[in-house]
Amino acid sequence: YISPGECQISYNPLQMALIWNSLATRD
């Protein structure tokens, strides 16, 4: 969905979820 001709900015849901994963696992 991300391109200058479609949506120029986008939520980064994978990074968000994996930040929480890292805090829980300490990994």
mmCIF file of all heavy atoms, coordinates in Angstrom:
data_MODEL
# 
_entry.id   MODEL 
# 
loop_
_atom_site.group_PDB 
_atom_site.id 
_atom_site.type_symbol 
_atom_site.label_atom_id 
_atom_site.label_alt_id 
_atom_site.label_comp_id 
_atom_site.label_asym_id 
_atom_site.label_entity_id 
_atom_site.label_seq_id 
_atom_site.pdbx_PDB_ins_code 
_atom_site.Cartn_x 
_atom_site.Cartn_y 
_atom_site.Cartn_z 
_atom_site.occupancy 
_atom_site.B_iso_or_equiv 
_atom_site.pdbx_formal_charge 
_atom_site.auth_seq_id 
_atom_site.auth_comp_id 
_atom_site.auth_asym_id 
_atom_site.auth_atom_id 
_atom_site.pdbx_PDB_model_num 
ATOM 1   N N   . TYR A 1 1  ? 0.812  -1.218  0.000  1.00 0.00 ? 1  TYR A N   1 
ATOM 2   C CA  . TYR A 1 1  ? 0.000  0.000   0.000  1.00 0.00 ? 1  TYR A CA  1 
ATOM 3   C C   . TYR A 1 1  ? 0.850  1.275   0.000  1.00 0.00 ? 1  TYR A C   1 
ATOM 4   O O   . TYR A 1 1  ? 0.301  2.374   -0.099 1.00 0.00 ? 1  TYR A O   1 
ATOM 5   C CB  . TYR A 1 1  ? -0.902 0.018   1.232  1.00 0.00 ? 1  TYR A CB  1 
ATOM 6   C CG  . TYR A 1 1  ? -1.984 -1.032  1.197  1.00 0.00 ? 1  TYR A CG  1 
ATOM 7   C CD1 . TYR A 1 1  ? -1.773 -2.294  1.739  1.00 0.00 ? 1  TYR A CD1 1 
ATOM 8   C CD2 . TYR A 1 1  ? -3.212 -0.773  0.606  1.00 0.00 ? 1  TYR A CD2 1 
ATOM 9   C CE1 . TYR A 1 1  ? -2.756 -3.266  1.699  1.00 0.00 ? 1  TYR A CE1 1 
ATOM 10  C CE2 . TYR A 1 1  ? -4.206 -1.741  0.560  1.00 0.00 ? 1  TYR A CE2 1 
ATOM 11  C CZ  . TYR A 1 1  ? -3.961 -2.993  1.104  1.00 0.00 ? 1  TYR A CZ  1 
ATOM 12  O OH  . TYR A 1 1  ? -4.939 -3.961  1.055  1.00 0.00 ? 1  TYR A OH  1 
ATOM 13  N N   . ILE A 1 2  ? 2.165  1.125   0.129  1.00 0.00 ? 2  ILE A N   1 
ATOM 14  C CA  . ILE A 1 2  ? 3.024  2.279   0.383  1.00 0.00 ? 2  ILE A CA  1 
ATOM 15  C C   . ILE A 1 2  ? 3.784  2.660   -0.883 1.00 0.00 ? 2  ILE A C   1 
ATOM 16  O O   . ILE A 1 2  ? 4.613  1.900   -1.383 1.00 0.00 ? 2  ILE A O   1 
ATOM 17  C CB  . ILE A 1 2  ? 4.022  1.967   1.512  1.00 0.00 ? 2  ILE A CB  1 
ATOM 18  C CG1 . ILE A 1 2  ? 3.294  1.411   2.744  1.00 0.00 ? 2  ILE A CG1 1 
ATOM 19  C CG2 . ILE A 1 2  ? 4.813  3.218   1.877  1.00 0.00 ? 2  ILE A CG2 1 
ATOM 20  C CD1 . ILE A 1 2  ? 4.214  0.812   3.781  1.00 0.00 ? 2  ILE A CD1 1 
ATOM 21  N N   . SER A 1 3  ? 3.491  3.830   -1.411 1.00 0.00 ? 3  SER A N   1 
ATOM 22  C CA  . SER A 1 3  ? 4.242  4.386   -2.543 1.00 0.00 ? 3  SER A CA  1 
ATOM 23  C C   . SER A 1 3  ? 3.823  5.840   -2.685 1.00 0.00 ? 3  SER A C   1 
ATOM 24  O O   . SER A 1 3  ? 2.749  6.231   -2.206 1.00 0.00 ? 3  SER A O   1 
ATOM 25  C CB  . SER A 1 3  ? 3.949  3.622   -3.842 1.00 0.00 ? 3  SER A CB  1 
ATOM 26  O OG  . SER A 1 3  ? 2.677  3.972   -4.353 1.00 0.00 ? 3  SER A OG  1 
ATOM 27  N N   . PRO A 1 4  ? 4.630  6.670   -3.353 1.00 0.00 ? 4  PRO A N   1 
ATOM 28  C CA  . PRO A 1 4  ? 4.206  8.062   -3.563 1.00 0.00 ? 4  PRO A CA  1 
ATOM 29  C C   . PRO A 1 4  ? 2.891  8.167   -4.318 1.00 0.00 ? 4  PRO A C   1 
ATOM 30  O O   . PRO A 1 4  ? 2.166  9.147   -4.164 1.00 0.00 ? 4  PRO A O   1 
ATOM 31  C CB  . PRO A 1 4  ? 5.372  8.660   -4.368 1.00 0.00 ? 4  PRO A CB  1 
ATOM 32  C CG  . PRO A 1 4  ? 6.547  7.809   -4.022 1.00 0.00 ? 4  PRO A CG  1 
ATOM 33  C CD  . PRO A 1 4  ? 6.000  6.425   -3.846 1.00 0.00 ? 4  PRO A CD  1 
ATOM 34  N N   . GLY A 1 5  ? 2.570  7.151   -5.126 1.00 0.00 ? 5  GLY A N   1 
ATOM 35  C CA  . GLY A 1 5  ? 1.339  7.173   -5.898 1.00 0.00 ? 5  GLY A CA  1 
ATOM 36  C C   . GLY A 1 5  ? 0.167  6.498   -5.230 1.00 0.00 ? 5  GLY A C   1 
ATOM 37  O O   . GLY A 1 5  ? -0.905 6.386   -5.822 1.00 0.00 ? 5  GLY A O   1 
ATOM 38  N N   . GLU A 1 6  ? 0.337  6.034   -3.992 1.00 0.00 ? 6  GLU A N   1 
ATOM 39  C CA  . GLU A 1 6  ? -0.767 5.385   -3.287 1.00 0.00 ? 6  GLU A CA  1 
ATOM 40  C C   . GLU A 1 6  ? -0.875 6.007   -1.897 1.00 0.00 ? 6  GLU A C   1 
ATOM 41  O O   . GLU A 1 6  ? -1.458 7.070   -1.743 1.00 0.00 ? 6  GLU A O   1 
ATOM 42  C CB  . GLU A 1 6  ? -0.550 3.870   -3.242 1.00 0.00 ? 6  GLU A CB  1 
ATOM 43  C CG  . GLU A 1 6  ? -1.793 3.090   -2.844 1.00 0.00 ? 6  GLU A CG  1 
ATOM 44  C CD  . GLU A 1 6  ? -1.725 1.612   -3.220 1.00 0.00 ? 6  GLU A CD  1 
ATOM 45  O OE1 . GLU A 1 6  ? -1.033 1.247   -4.186 1.00 0.00 ? 6  GLU A OE1 1 
ATOM 46  O OE2 . GLU A 1 6  ? -2.392 0.819   -2.539 1.00 0.00 ? 6  GLU A OE2 1 
ATOM 47  N N   . CYS A 1 7  ? -0.308 5.402   -0.886 1.00 0.00 ? 7  CYS A N   1 
ATOM 48  C CA  . CYS A 1 7  ? -0.271 5.997   0.448  1.00 0.00 ? 7  CYS A CA  1 
ATOM 49  C C   . CYS A 1 7  ? 1.184  6.352   0.751  1.00 0.00 ? 7  CYS A C   1 
ATOM 50  O O   . CYS A 1 7  ? 2.045  5.471   0.756  1.00 0.00 ? 7  CYS A O   1 
ATOM 51  C CB  . CYS A 1 7  ? -0.809 5.032   1.493  1.00 0.00 ? 7  CYS A CB  1 
ATOM 52  S SG  . CYS A 1 7  ? -2.567 4.658   1.303  1.00 0.00 ? 7  CYS A SG  1 
ATOM 53  N N   . GLN A 1 8  ? 1.420  7.625   1.022  1.00 0.00 ? 8  GLN A N   1 
ATOM 54  C CA  . GLN A 1 8  ? 2.797  8.088   1.207  1.00 0.00 ? 8  GLN A CA  1 
ATOM 55  C C   . GLN A 1 8  ? 3.363  7.657   2.554  1.00 0.00 ? 8  GLN A C   1 
ATOM 56  O O   . GLN A 1 8  ? 4.579  7.484   2.684  1.00 0.00 ? 8  GLN A O   1 
ATOM 57  C CB  . GLN A 1 8  ? 2.862  9.614   1.080  1.00 0.00 ? 8  GLN A CB  1 
ATOM 58  C CG  . GLN A 1 8  ? 2.538  10.138  -0.302 1.00 0.00 ? 8  GLN A CG  1 
ATOM 59  C CD  . GLN A 1 8  ? 1.051  10.353  -0.534 1.00 0.00 ? 8  GLN A CD  1 
ATOM 60  O OE1 . GLN A 1 8  ? 0.209  10.001  0.292  1.00 0.00 ? 8  GLN A OE1 1 
ATOM 61  N NE2 . GLN A 1 8  ? 0.710  10.939  -1.673 1.00 0.00 ? 8  GLN A NE2 1 
ATOM 62  N N   . ILE A 1 9  ? 2.509  7.520   3.549  1.00 0.00 ? 9  ILE A N   1 
ATOM 63  C CA  . ILE A 1 9  ? 2.971  7.063   4.853  1.00 0.00 ? 9  ILE A CA  1 
ATOM 64  C C   . ILE A 1 9  ? 2.075  5.919   5.310  1.00 0.00 ? 9  ILE A C   1 
ATOM 65  O O   . ILE A 1 9  ? 0.939  5.772   4.836  1.00 0.00 ? 9  ILE A O   1 
ATOM 66  C CB  . ILE A 1 9  ? 3.019  8.194   5.910  1.00 0.00 ? 9  ILE A CB  1 
ATOM 67  C CG1 . ILE A 1 9  ? 1.629  8.801   6.140  1.00 0.00 ? 9  ILE A CG1 1 
ATOM 68  C CG2 . ILE A 1 9  ? 4.010  9.271   5.482  1.00 0.00 ? 9  ILE A CG2 1 
ATOM 69  C CD1 . ILE A 1 9  ? 1.604  9.881   7.220  1.00 0.00 ? 9  ILE A CD1 1 
ATOM 70  N N   . SER A 1 10 ? 2.604  5.108   6.208  1.00 0.00 ? 10 SER A N   1 
ATOM 71  C CA  . SER A 1 10 ? 1.855  3.931   6.650  1.00 0.00 ? 10 SER A CA  1 
ATOM 72  C C   . SER A 1 10 ? 2.227  3.579   8.069  1.00 0.00 ? 10 SER A C   1 
ATOM 73  O O   . SER A 1 10 ? 3.389  3.673   8.460  1.00 0.00 ? 10 SER A O   1 
ATOM 74  C CB  . SER A 1 10 ? 2.162  2.732   5.747  1.00 0.00 ? 10 SER A CB  1 
ATOM 75  O OG  . SER A 1 10 ? 1.603  1.530   6.280  1.00 0.00 ? 10 SER A OG  1 
ATOM 76  N N   . TYR A 1 11 ? 1.235  3.150   8.835  1.00 0.00 ? 11 TYR A N   1 
ATOM 77  C CA  . TYR A 1 11 ? 1.535  2.530   10.113 1.00 0.00 ? 11 TYR A CA  1 
ATOM 78  C C   . TYR A 1 11 ? 2.491  1.360   9.905  1.00 0.00 ? 11 TYR A C   1 
ATOM 79  O O   . TYR A 1 11 ? 2.465  0.687   8.876  1.00 0.00 ? 11 TYR A O   1 
ATOM 80  C CB  . TYR A 1 11 ? 0.262  1.990   10.765 1.00 0.00 ? 11 TYR A CB  1 
ATOM 81  C CG  . TYR A 1 11 ? -0.611 3.043   11.389 1.00 0.00 ? 11 TYR A CG  1 
ATOM 82  C CD1 . TYR A 1 11 ? -1.856 3.350   10.844 1.00 0.00 ? 11 TYR A CD1 1 
ATOM 83  C CD2 . TYR A 1 11 ? -0.212 3.716   12.526 1.00 0.00 ? 11 TYR A CD2 1 
ATOM 84  C CE1 . TYR A 1 11 ? -2.677 4.308   11.419 1.00 0.00 ? 11 TYR A CE1 1 
ATOM 85  C CE2 . TYR A 1 11 ? -1.021 4.670   13.111 1.00 0.00 ? 11 TYR A CE2 1 
ATOM 86  C CZ  . TYR A 1 11 ? -2.249 4.966   12.553 1.00 0.00 ? 11 TYR A CZ  1 
ATOM 87  O OH  . TYR A 1 11 ? -3.045 5.915   13.128 1.00 0.00 ? 11 TYR A OH  1 
ATOM 88  N N   . ASN A 1 12 ? 3.311  1.120   10.925 1.00 0.00 ? 12 ASN A N   1 
ATOM 89  C CA  . ASN A 1 12 ? 4.283  0.027   10.889 1.00 0.00 ? 12 ASN A CA  1 
ATOM 90  C C   . ASN A 1 12 ? 3.862  -1.021  11.923 1.00 0.00 ? 12 ASN A C   1 
ATOM 91  O O   . ASN A 1 12 ? 4.468  -1.147  12.991 1.00 0.00 ? 12 ASN A O   1 
ATOM 92  C CB  . ASN A 1 12 ? 5.680  0.572   11.204 1.00 0.00 ? 12 ASN A CB  1 
ATOM 93  C CG  . ASN A 1 12 ? 6.785  -0.400  10.865 1.00 0.00 ? 12 ASN A CG  1 
ATOM 94  O OD1 . ASN A 1 12 ? 6.535  -1.565  10.562 1.00 0.00 ? 12 ASN A OD1 1 
ATOM 95  N ND2 . ASN A 1 12 ? 8.020  0.054   10.930 1.00 0.00 ? 12 ASN A ND2 1 
ATOM 96  N N   . PRO A 1 13 ? 2.796  -1.795  11.620 1.00 0.00 ? 13 PRO A N   1 
ATOM 97  C CA  . PRO A 1 13 ? 2.252  -2.691  12.647 1.00 0.00 ? 13 PRO A CA  1 
ATOM 98  C C   . PRO A 1 13 ? 3.189  -3.828  13.027 1.00 0.00 ? 13 PRO A C   1 
ATOM 99  O O   . PRO A 1 13 ? 3.148  -4.309  14.158 1.00 0.00 ? 13 PRO A O   1 
ATOM 100 C CB  . PRO A 1 13 ? 0.966  -3.223  12.006 1.00 0.00 ? 13 PRO A CB  1 
ATOM 101 C CG  . PRO A 1 13 ? 1.191  -3.089  10.529 1.00 0.00 ? 13 PRO A CG  1 
ATOM 102 C CD  . PRO A 1 13 ? 2.038  -1.859  10.366 1.00 0.00 ? 13 PRO A CD  1 
ATOM 103 N N   . LEU A 1 14 ? 4.036  -4.255  12.096 1.00 0.00 ? 14 LEU A N   1 
ATOM 104 C CA  . LEU A 1 14 ? 4.953  -5.347  12.421 1.00 0.00 ? 14 LEU A CA  1 
ATOM 105 C C   . LEU A 1 14 ? 5.968  -4.896  13.461 1.00 0.00 ? 14 LEU A C   1 
ATOM 106 O O   . LEU A 1 14 ? 6.222  -5.604  14.447 1.00 0.00 ? 14 LEU A O   1 
ATOM 107 C CB  . LEU A 1 14 ? 5.662  -5.833  11.155 1.00 0.00 ? 14 LEU A CB  1 
ATOM 108 C CG  . LEU A 1 14 ? 6.673  -6.961  11.359 1.00 0.00 ? 14 LEU A CG  1 
ATOM 109 C CD1 . LEU A 1 14 ? 5.992  -8.210  11.900 1.00 0.00 ? 14 LEU A CD1 1 
ATOM 110 C CD2 . LEU A 1 14 ? 7.413  -7.263  10.060 1.00 0.00 ? 14 LEU A CD2 1 
ATOM 111 N N   . GLN A 1 15 ? 6.553  -3.708  13.268 1.00 0.00 ? 15 GLN A N   1 
ATOM 112 C CA  . GLN A 1 15 ? 7.519  -3.220  14.250 1.00 0.00 ? 15 GLN A CA  1 
ATOM 113 C C   . GLN A 1 15 ? 6.861  -3.047  15.613 1.00 0.00 ? 15 GLN A C   1 
ATOM 114 O O   . GLN A 1 15 ? 7.433  -3.416  16.643 1.00 0.00 ? 15 GLN A O   1 
ATOM 115 C CB  . GLN A 1 15 ? 8.132  -1.891  13.795 1.00 0.00 ? 15 GLN A CB  1 
ATOM 116 C CG  . GLN A 1 15 ? 9.104  -1.314  14.807 1.00 0.00 ? 15 GLN A CG  1 
ATOM 117 C CD  . GLN A 1 15 ? 9.860  -0.106  14.289 1.00 0.00 ? 15 GLN A CD  1 
ATOM 118 O OE1 . GLN A 1 15 ? 10.692 -0.220  13.399 1.00 0.00 ? 15 GLN A OE1 1 
ATOM 119 N NE2 . GLN A 1 15 ? 9.556  1.061   14.830 1.00 0.00 ? 15 GLN A NE2 1 
ATOM 120 N N   . MET A 1 16 ? 5.650  -2.496  15.626 1.00 0.00 ? 16 MET A N   1 
ATOM 121 C CA  . MET A 1 16 ? 4.939  -2.314  16.891 1.00 0.00 ? 16 MET A CA  1 
ATOM 122 C C   . MET A 1 16 ? 4.772  -3.647  17.612 1.00 0.00 ? 16 MET A C   1 
ATOM 123 O O   . MET A 1 16 ? 5.111  -3.785  18.795 1.00 0.00 ? 16 MET A O   1 
ATOM 124 C CB  . MET A 1 16 ? 3.578  -1.677  16.619 1.00 0.00 ? 16 MET A CB  1 
ATOM 125 C CG  . MET A 1 16 ? 2.719  -1.422  17.847 1.00 0.00 ? 16 MET A CG  1 
ATOM 126 S SD  . MET A 1 16 ? 1.702  -2.824  18.367 1.00 0.00 ? 16 MET A SD  1 
ATOM 127 C CE  . MET A 1 16 ? 0.572  -2.983  16.983 1.00 0.00 ? 16 MET A CE  1 
ATOM 128 N N   . ALA A 1 17 ? 4.259  -4.653  16.890 1.00 0.00 ? 17 ALA A N   1 
ATOM 129 C CA  . ALA A 1 17 ? 4.003  -5.942  17.528 1.00 0.00 ? 17 ALA A CA  1 
ATOM 130 C C   . ALA A 1 17 ? 5.287  -6.588  18.028 1.00 0.00 ? 17 ALA A C   1 
ATOM 131 O O   . ALA A 1 17 ? 5.323  -7.189  19.110 1.00 0.00 ? 17 ALA A O   1 
ATOM 132 C CB  . ALA A 1 17 ? 3.294  -6.870  16.542 1.00 0.00 ? 17 ALA A CB  1 
ATOM 133 N N   . LEU A 1 18 ? 6.365  -6.430  17.253 1.00 0.00 ? 18 LEU A N   1 
ATOM 134 C CA  . LEU A 1 18 ? 7.608  -7.098  17.628 1.00 0.00 ? 18 LEU A CA  1 
ATOM 135 C C   . LEU A 1 18 ? 8.368  -6.349  18.720 1.00 0.00 ? 18 LEU A C   1 
ATOM 136 O O   . LEU A 1 18 ? 9.193  -6.945  19.421 1.00 0.00 ? 18 LEU A O   1 
ATOM 137 C CB  . LEU A 1 18 ? 8.482  -7.311  16.392 1.00 0.00 ? 18 LEU A CB  1 
ATOM 138 C CG  . LEU A 1 18 ? 7.884  -8.318  15.389 1.00 0.00 ? 18 LEU A CG  1 
ATOM 139 C CD1 . LEU A 1 18 ? 8.812  -8.503  14.201 1.00 0.00 ? 18 LEU A CD1 1 
ATOM 140 C CD2 . LEU A 1 18 ? 7.595  -9.663  16.057 1.00 0.00 ? 18 LEU A CD2 1 
ATOM 141 N N   . ILE A 1 19 ? 8.109  -5.065  18.904 1.00 0.00 ? 19 ILE A N   1 
ATOM 142 C CA  . ILE A 1 19 ? 8.625  -4.382  20.095 1.00 0.00 ? 19 ILE A CA  1 
ATOM 143 C C   . ILE A 1 19 ? 8.036  -5.043  21.342 1.00 0.00 ? 19 ILE A C   1 
ATOM 144 O O   . ILE A 1 19 ? 8.750  -5.376  22.299 1.00 0.00 ? 19 ILE A O   1 
ATOM 145 C CB  . ILE A 1 19 ? 8.300  -2.874  20.064 1.00 0.00 ? 19 ILE A CB  1 
ATOM 146 C CG1 . ILE A 1 19 ? 9.173  -2.153  19.024 1.00 0.00 ? 19 ILE A CG1 1 
ATOM 147 C CG2 . ILE A 1 19 ? 8.506  -2.243  21.448 1.00 0.00 ? 19 ILE A CG2 1 
ATOM 148 C CD1 . ILE A 1 19 ? 8.775  -0.690  18.801 1.00 0.00 ? 19 ILE A CD1 1 
ATOM 149 N N   . TRP A 1 20 ? 6.710  -5.266  21.319 1.00 0.00 ? 20 TRP A N   1 
ATOM 150 C CA  . TRP A 1 20 ? 6.068  -5.904  22.466 1.00 0.00 ? 20 TRP A CA  1 
ATOM 151 C C   . TRP A 1 20 ? 6.541  -7.346  22.633 1.00 0.00 ? 20 TRP A C   1 
ATOM 152 O O   . TRP A 1 20 ? 6.727  -7.817  23.768 1.00 0.00 ? 20 TRP A O   1 
ATOM 153 C CB  . TRP A 1 20 ? 4.549  -5.835  22.326 1.00 0.00 ? 20 TRP A CB  1 
ATOM 154 C CG  . TRP A 1 20 ? 4.040  -4.440  22.497 1.00 0.00 ? 20 TRP A CG  1 
ATOM 155 C CD1 . TRP A 1 20 ? 3.559  -3.606  21.531 1.00 0.00 ? 20 TRP A CD1 1 
ATOM 156 C CD2 . TRP A 1 20 ? 4.001  -3.687  23.716 1.00 0.00 ? 20 TRP A CD2 1 
ATOM 157 N NE1 . TRP A 1 20 ? 3.218  -2.389  22.066 1.00 0.00 ? 20 TRP A NE1 1 
ATOM 158 C CE2 . TRP A 1 20 ? 3.477  -2.415  23.407 1.00 0.00 ? 20 TRP A CE2 1 
ATOM 159 C CE3 . TRP A 1 20 ? 4.345  -3.970  25.032 1.00 0.00 ? 20 TRP A CE3 1 
ATOM 160 C CZ2 . TRP A 1 20 ? 3.294  -1.428  24.372 1.00 0.00 ? 20 TRP A CZ2 1 
ATOM 161 C CZ3 . TRP A 1 20 ? 4.166  -2.986  25.992 1.00 0.00 ? 20 TRP A CZ3 1 
ATOM 162 C CH2 . TRP A 1 20 ? 3.651  -1.736  25.666 1.00 0.00 ? 20 TRP A CH2 1 
ATOM 163 N N   . ASN A 1 21 ? 6.753  -8.039  21.521 1.00 0.00 ? 21 ASN A N   1 
ATOM 164 C CA  . ASN A 1 21 ? 7.299  -9.392  21.599 1.00 0.00 ? 21 ASN A CA  1 
ATOM 165 C C   . ASN A 1 21 ? 8.661  -9.378  22.291 1.00 0.00 ? 21 ASN A C   1 
ATOM 166 O O   . ASN A 1 21 ? 8.945  -10.211 23.161 1.00 0.00 ? 21 ASN A O   1 
ATOM 167 C CB  . ASN A 1 21 ? 7.426  -9.976  20.194 1.00 0.00 ? 21 ASN A CB  1 
ATOM 168 C CG  . ASN A 1 21 ? 8.214  -11.270 20.174 1.00 0.00 ? 21 ASN A CG  1 
ATOM 169 O OD1 . ASN A 1 21 ? 7.722  -12.326 20.533 1.00 0.00 ? 21 ASN A OD1 1 
ATOM 170 N ND2 . ASN A 1 21 ? 9.478  -11.181 19.769 1.00 0.00 ? 21 ASN A ND2 1 
ATOM 171 N N   . SER A 1 22 ? 9.513  -8.422  21.910 1.00 0.00 ? 22 SER A N   1 
ATOM 172 C CA  . SER A 1 22 ? 10.861 -8.359  22.484 1.00 0.00 ? 22 SER A CA  1 
ATOM 173 C C   . SER A 1 22 ? 10.837 -8.047  23.970 1.00 0.00 ? 22 SER A C   1 
ATOM 174 O O   . SER A 1 22 ? 11.643 -8.575  24.738 1.00 0.00 ? 22 SER A O   1 
ATOM 175 C CB  . SER A 1 22 ? 11.694 -7.311  21.740 1.00 0.00 ? 22 SER A CB  1 
ATOM 176 O OG  . SER A 1 22 ? 11.876 -7.673  20.389 1.00 0.00 ? 22 SER A OG  1 
ATOM 177 N N   . LEU A 1 23 ? 9.910  -7.181  24.389 1.00 0.00 ? 23 LEU A N   1 
ATOM 178 C CA  . LEU A 1 23 ? 9.819  -6.861  25.816 1.00 0.00 ? 23 LEU A CA  1 
ATOM 179 C C   . LEU A 1 23 ? 9.376  -8.077  26.624 1.00 0.00 ? 23 LEU A C   1 
ATOM 180 O O   . LEU A 1 23 ? 9.836  -8.281  27.751 1.00 0.00 ? 23 LEU A O   1 
ATOM 181 C CB  . LEU A 1 23 ? 8.848  -5.700  26.031 1.00 0.00 ? 23 LEU A CB  1 
ATOM 182 C CG  . LEU A 1 23 ? 9.289  -4.335  25.482 1.00 0.00 ? 23 LEU A CG  1 
ATOM 183 C CD1 . LEU A 1 23 ? 8.188  -3.305  25.692 1.00 0.00 ? 23 LEU A CD1 1 
ATOM 184 C CD2 . LEU A 1 23 ? 10.589 -3.864  26.118 1.00 0.00 ? 23 LEU A CD2 1 
ATOM 185 N N   . ALA A 1 24 ? 8.482  -8.887  26.050 1.00 0.00 ? 24 ALA A N   1 
ATOM 186 C CA  . ALA A 1 24 ? 8.013  -10.075 26.770 1.00 0.00 ? 24 ALA A CA  1 
ATOM 187 C C   . ALA A 1 24 ? 9.059  -11.172 26.808 1.00 0.00 ? 24 ALA A C   1 
ATOM 188 O O   . ALA A 1 24 ? 9.259  -11.820 27.846 1.00 0.00 ? 24 ALA A O   1 
ATOM 189 C CB  . ALA A 1 24 ? 6.730  -10.599 26.118 1.00 0.00 ? 24 ALA A CB  1 
ATOM 190 N N   . THR A 1 25 ? 9.751  -11.393 25.694 1.00 0.00 ? 25 THR A N   1 
ATOM 191 C CA  . THR A 1 25 ? 10.701 -12.510 25.593 1.00 0.00 ? 25 THR A CA  1 
ATOM 192 C C   . THR A 1 25 ? 12.103 -12.129 26.022 1.00 0.00 ? 25 THR A C   1 
ATOM 193 O O   . THR A 1 25 ? 12.943 -13.001 26.259 1.00 0.00 ? 25 THR A O   1 
ATOM 194 C CB  . THR A 1 25 ? 10.761 -13.019 24.150 1.00 0.00 ? 25 THR A CB  1 
ATOM 195 O OG1 . THR A 1 25 ? 11.248 -11.971 23.296 1.00 0.00 ? 25 THR A OG1 1 
ATOM 196 C CG2 . THR A 1 25 ? 9.397  -13.491 23.664 1.00 0.00 ? 25 THR A CG2 1 
ATOM 197 N N   . ARG A 1 26 ? 12.389 -10.808 26.082 1.00 0.00 ? 26 ARG A N   1 
ATOM 198 C CA  . ARG A 1 26 ? 13.736 -10.275 26.322 1.00 0.00 ? 26 ARG A CA  1 
ATOM 199 C C   . ARG A 1 26 ? 14.692 -10.689 25.190 1.00 0.00 ? 26 ARG A C   1 
ATOM 200 O O   . ARG A 1 26 ? 15.901 -10.702 25.348 1.00 0.00 ? 26 ARG A O   1 
ATOM 201 C CB  . ARG A 1 26 ? 14.324 -10.733 27.654 1.00 0.00 ? 26 ARG A CB  1 
ATOM 202 C CG  . ARG A 1 26 ? 13.760 -10.038 28.887 1.00 0.00 ? 26 ARG A CG  1 
ATOM 203 C CD  . ARG A 1 26 ? 12.361 -10.449 29.244 1.00 0.00 ? 26 ARG A CD  1 
ATOM 204 N NE  . ARG A 1 26 ? 12.045 -10.063 30.633 1.00 0.00 ? 26 ARG A NE  1 
ATOM 205 C CZ  . ARG A 1 26 ? 10.876 -10.300 31.205 1.00 0.00 ? 26 ARG A CZ  1 
ATOM 206 N NH1 . ARG A 1 26 ? 9.902  -10.905 30.526 1.00 0.00 ? 26 ARG A NH1 1 
ATOM 207 N NH2 . ARG A 1 26 ? 10.674 -9.947  32.460 1.00 0.00 ? 26 ARG A NH2 1 
ATOM 208 N N   . ASP A 1 27 ? 14.118 -10.995 24.034 1.00 0.00 ? 27 ASP A N   1 
ATOM 209 C CA  . ASP A 1 27 ? 14.879 -11.493 22.894 1.00 0.00 ? 27 ASP A CA  1 
ATOM 210 C C   . ASP A 1 27 ? 14.631 -10.551 21.721 1.00 0.00 ? 27 ASP A C   1 
ATOM 211 O O   . ASP A 1 27 ? 13.481 -10.299 21.350 1.00 0.00 ? 27 ASP A O   1 
ATOM 212 C CB  . ASP A 1 27 ? 14.403 -12.911 22.550 1.00 0.00 ? 27 ASP A CB  1 
ATOM 213 C CG  . ASP A 1 27 ? 15.295 -13.612 21.530 1.00 0.00 ? 27 ASP A CG  1 
ATOM 214 O OD1 . ASP A 1 27 ? 15.804 -12.939 20.617 1.00 0.00 ? 27 ASP A OD1 1 
ATOM 215 O OD2 . ASP A 1 27 ? 15.463 -14.841 21.644 1.00 0.00 ? 27 ASP A OD2 1 
# 
